[in-house]
């Protein structure tokens, strides 16, 4: 059993969980990146996050802080 809270989760599942919890507007405030603030969608966000390690790290950190620790 892995201690990694992201183990077994896809990036799509992480983004969808954050959108479900916060909505796009709040997510754009929490992580100020264009893919969350200008015409956001899960697919466009995934394309950006897969190419941009620093942004992906911010999304994963928010997920761990916000959702995984609440389980």
N, C-alpha and C. Protein backbone atom coordinates (compact mmCIF):
# COMPACT_ATOMS: atom_id res chain seq x y z
N UNK A 1 0.84 -1.18 0.00
CA UNK A 1 0.00 0.00 0.00
C UNK A 1 0.89 1.25 0.00
N UNK A 2 0.60 2.14 -0.89
CA UNK A 2 1.40 3.36 -1.02
C UNK A 2 0.90 4.44 -0.06
N UNK A 3 1.84 5.21 0.47
CA UNK A 3 1.48 6.34 1.32
C UNK A 3 1.18 7.60 0.51
N UNK A 4 1.40 7.52 -0.80
CA UNK A 4 1.17 8.66 -1.69
C UNK A 4 -0.33 8.85 -1.89
N UNK A 5 -0.87 10.02 -1.47
CA UNK A 5 -2.32 10.24 -1.63
C UNK A 5 -2.77 10.33 -3.08
N UNK A 6 -1.83 10.49 -4.01
CA UNK A 6 -2.17 10.57 -5.42
C UNK A 6 -2.06 9.22 -6.12
N UNK A 7 -1.61 8.21 -5.39
CA UNK A 7 -1.42 6.88 -5.98
C UNK A 7 -2.74 6.36 -6.57
N UNK A 8 -2.68 5.99 -7.83
CA UNK A 8 -3.85 5.42 -8.49
C UNK A 8 -4.81 6.44 -9.07
N UNK A 9 -4.55 7.71 -8.88
CA UNK A 9 -5.43 8.75 -9.41
C UNK A 9 -4.89 9.30 -10.72
N UNK A 10 -5.77 9.56 -11.65
CA UNK A 10 -5.37 10.21 -12.88
C UNK A 10 -5.44 11.72 -12.68
N UNK A 11 -4.72 12.43 -13.53
CA UNK A 11 -4.78 13.89 -13.48
C UNK A 11 -6.21 14.36 -13.76
N UNK A 12 -6.90 13.67 -14.64
CA UNK A 12 -8.28 14.04 -14.95
C UNK A 12 -9.17 13.91 -13.72
N UNK A 13 -8.98 12.86 -12.94
CA UNK A 13 -9.78 12.67 -11.72
C UNK A 13 -9.48 13.76 -10.70
N UNK A 14 -8.23 14.16 -10.61
CA UNK A 14 -7.84 15.21 -9.68
C UNK A 14 -8.48 16.54 -10.07
N UNK A 15 -8.36 16.90 -11.34
CA UNK A 15 -8.94 18.16 -11.82
C UNK A 15 -10.46 18.14 -11.63
N UNK A 16 -11.10 17.03 -11.99
CA UNK A 16 -12.55 16.95 -11.87
C UNK A 16 -13.00 17.07 -10.41
N UNK A 17 -12.27 16.45 -9.50
CA UNK A 17 -12.61 16.54 -8.09
C UNK A 17 -12.49 17.98 -7.59
N UNK A 18 -11.45 18.68 -8.02
CA UNK A 18 -11.28 20.08 -7.61
C UNK A 18 -12.37 20.97 -8.20
N UNK A 19 -12.74 20.73 -9.44
CA UNK A 19 -13.82 21.51 -10.06
C UNK A 19 -15.14 21.22 -9.36
N UNK A 20 -15.39 19.97 -9.05
CA UNK A 20 -16.63 19.61 -8.36
C UNK A 20 -16.72 20.29 -7.00
N UNK A 21 -15.59 20.37 -6.31
CA UNK A 21 -15.60 20.96 -4.97
C UNK A 21 -15.65 22.49 -5.01
N UNK A 22 -14.84 23.10 -5.88
CA UNK A 22 -14.67 24.55 -5.86
C UNK A 22 -15.39 25.29 -6.99
N UNK A 23 -15.56 24.64 -8.11
CA UNK A 23 -16.05 25.35 -9.30
C UNK A 23 -14.89 26.05 -9.99
N UNK A 24 -15.08 26.41 -11.24
CA UNK A 24 -13.99 27.01 -12.02
C UNK A 24 -13.58 28.38 -11.48
N UNK A 25 -14.54 29.20 -11.08
CA UNK A 25 -14.20 30.55 -10.60
C UNK A 25 -13.29 30.49 -9.38
N UNK A 26 -13.66 29.72 -8.40
CA UNK A 26 -12.86 29.61 -7.17
C UNK A 26 -11.52 28.93 -7.45
N UNK A 27 -11.53 27.92 -8.31
CA UNK A 27 -10.28 27.23 -8.65
C UNK A 27 -9.31 28.20 -9.32
N UNK A 28 -9.84 29.08 -10.17
CA UNK A 28 -9.00 30.10 -10.79
C UNK A 28 -8.45 31.10 -9.80
N UNK A 29 -9.16 31.32 -8.70
CA UNK A 29 -8.65 32.20 -7.65
C UNK A 29 -7.58 31.49 -6.82
N UNK A 30 -7.79 30.22 -6.55
CA UNK A 30 -6.84 29.46 -5.73
C UNK A 30 -5.54 29.19 -6.47
N UNK A 31 -5.67 28.89 -7.76
CA UNK A 31 -4.50 28.64 -8.61
C UNK A 31 -4.66 29.54 -9.83
N UNK A 32 -3.98 30.64 -9.83
CA UNK A 32 -4.17 31.65 -10.87
C UNK A 32 -3.41 31.27 -12.14
N UNK A 33 -3.98 30.33 -12.88
CA UNK A 33 -3.43 29.98 -14.18
C UNK A 33 -4.54 30.11 -15.21
N UNK A 34 -4.16 30.50 -16.40
CA UNK A 34 -5.11 30.86 -17.45
C UNK A 34 -6.08 29.73 -17.78
N UNK A 35 -5.65 28.50 -17.73
CA UNK A 35 -6.53 27.39 -18.10
C UNK A 35 -7.71 27.25 -17.13
N UNK A 36 -7.63 27.88 -15.96
CA UNK A 36 -8.73 27.86 -15.01
C UNK A 36 -9.54 29.15 -15.03
N UNK A 37 -9.02 30.20 -15.64
CA UNK A 37 -9.69 31.50 -15.57
C UNK A 37 -10.30 31.96 -16.89
N UNK A 38 -9.84 31.46 -18.01
CA UNK A 38 -10.32 31.91 -19.33
C UNK A 38 -10.89 30.73 -20.11
N UNK A 39 -12.21 30.66 -20.20
CA UNK A 39 -12.92 29.61 -20.94
C UNK A 39 -12.44 28.22 -20.50
N UNK A 40 -12.56 27.90 -19.21
CA UNK A 40 -12.01 26.65 -18.70
C UNK A 40 -12.82 25.42 -19.11
N UNK A 41 -12.10 24.34 -19.27
CA UNK A 41 -12.71 23.02 -19.45
C UNK A 41 -11.71 22.00 -18.94
N UNK A 42 -12.20 20.83 -18.62
CA UNK A 42 -11.31 19.79 -18.12
C UNK A 42 -10.29 19.43 -19.19
N UNK A 43 -10.73 19.25 -20.43
CA UNK A 43 -9.81 18.84 -21.50
C UNK A 43 -8.72 19.87 -21.76
N UNK A 44 -9.08 21.15 -21.83
CA UNK A 44 -8.06 22.17 -22.09
C UNK A 44 -7.10 22.29 -20.90
N UNK A 45 -7.63 22.13 -19.70
CA UNK A 45 -6.77 22.18 -18.51
C UNK A 45 -5.79 21.02 -18.50
N UNK A 46 -6.27 19.83 -18.87
CA UNK A 46 -5.39 18.66 -18.90
C UNK A 46 -4.26 18.85 -19.90
N UNK A 47 -4.55 19.39 -21.06
CA UNK A 47 -3.51 19.63 -22.07
C UNK A 47 -2.42 20.54 -21.51
N UNK A 48 -2.84 21.62 -20.85
CA UNK A 48 -1.87 22.56 -20.28
C UNK A 48 -1.09 21.92 -19.13
N UNK A 49 -1.79 21.27 -18.23
CA UNK A 49 -1.14 20.72 -17.04
C UNK A 49 -0.16 19.61 -17.38
N UNK A 50 -0.44 18.85 -18.42
CA UNK A 50 0.48 17.77 -18.82
C UNK A 50 1.78 18.32 -19.39
N UNK A 51 1.74 19.53 -19.94
CA UNK A 51 2.93 20.15 -20.52
C UNK A 51 3.66 21.07 -19.56
N UNK A 52 3.06 21.37 -18.42
CA UNK A 52 3.59 22.40 -17.53
C UNK A 52 3.75 21.86 -16.11
N UNK A 53 4.93 21.33 -15.80
CA UNK A 53 5.13 20.69 -14.50
C UNK A 53 4.85 21.57 -13.29
N UNK A 54 5.21 22.86 -13.33
CA UNK A 54 4.97 23.72 -12.17
C UNK A 54 3.49 23.89 -11.89
N UNK A 55 2.68 23.96 -12.95
CA UNK A 55 1.24 24.11 -12.77
C UNK A 55 0.63 22.82 -12.24
N UNK A 56 1.10 21.70 -12.77
CA UNK A 56 0.60 20.41 -12.30
C UNK A 56 0.91 20.22 -10.82
N UNK A 57 2.10 20.64 -10.41
CA UNK A 57 2.47 20.54 -8.99
C UNK A 57 1.52 21.34 -8.11
N UNK A 58 1.13 22.52 -8.56
CA UNK A 58 0.19 23.35 -7.79
C UNK A 58 -1.17 22.67 -7.67
N UNK A 59 -1.63 22.07 -8.76
CA UNK A 59 -2.93 21.38 -8.75
C UNK A 59 -2.87 20.18 -7.81
N UNK A 60 -1.81 19.40 -7.91
CA UNK A 60 -1.67 18.22 -7.05
C UNK A 60 -1.57 18.63 -5.58
N UNK A 61 -0.84 19.71 -5.30
CA UNK A 61 -0.70 20.18 -3.92
C UNK A 61 -2.05 20.63 -3.35
N UNK A 62 -2.84 21.32 -4.16
CA UNK A 62 -4.17 21.74 -3.71
C UNK A 62 -5.05 20.52 -3.45
N UNK A 63 -4.98 19.55 -4.32
CA UNK A 63 -5.78 18.33 -4.15
C UNK A 63 -5.41 17.65 -2.83
N UNK A 64 -4.12 17.49 -2.59
CA UNK A 64 -3.67 16.84 -1.36
C UNK A 64 -4.14 17.63 -0.14
N UNK A 65 -3.96 18.94 -0.18
CA UNK A 65 -4.34 19.79 0.95
C UNK A 65 -5.85 19.77 1.18
N UNK A 66 -6.58 19.83 0.10
CA UNK A 66 -8.02 20.08 0.16
C UNK A 66 -8.87 18.82 0.27
N UNK A 67 -8.53 17.82 -0.49
CA UNK A 67 -9.42 16.68 -0.64
C UNK A 67 -8.86 15.41 -0.02
N UNK A 68 -7.65 15.05 -0.36
CA UNK A 68 -7.09 13.79 0.11
C UNK A 68 -6.96 13.77 1.63
N UNK A 69 -6.63 14.89 2.25
CA UNK A 69 -6.47 14.93 3.69
C UNK A 69 -7.81 14.93 4.43
N UNK A 70 -8.91 15.12 3.73
CA UNK A 70 -10.23 15.15 4.34
C UNK A 70 -10.87 13.76 4.40
N UNK A 71 -10.24 12.80 3.75
CA UNK A 71 -10.81 11.44 3.69
C UNK A 71 -10.76 10.73 5.02
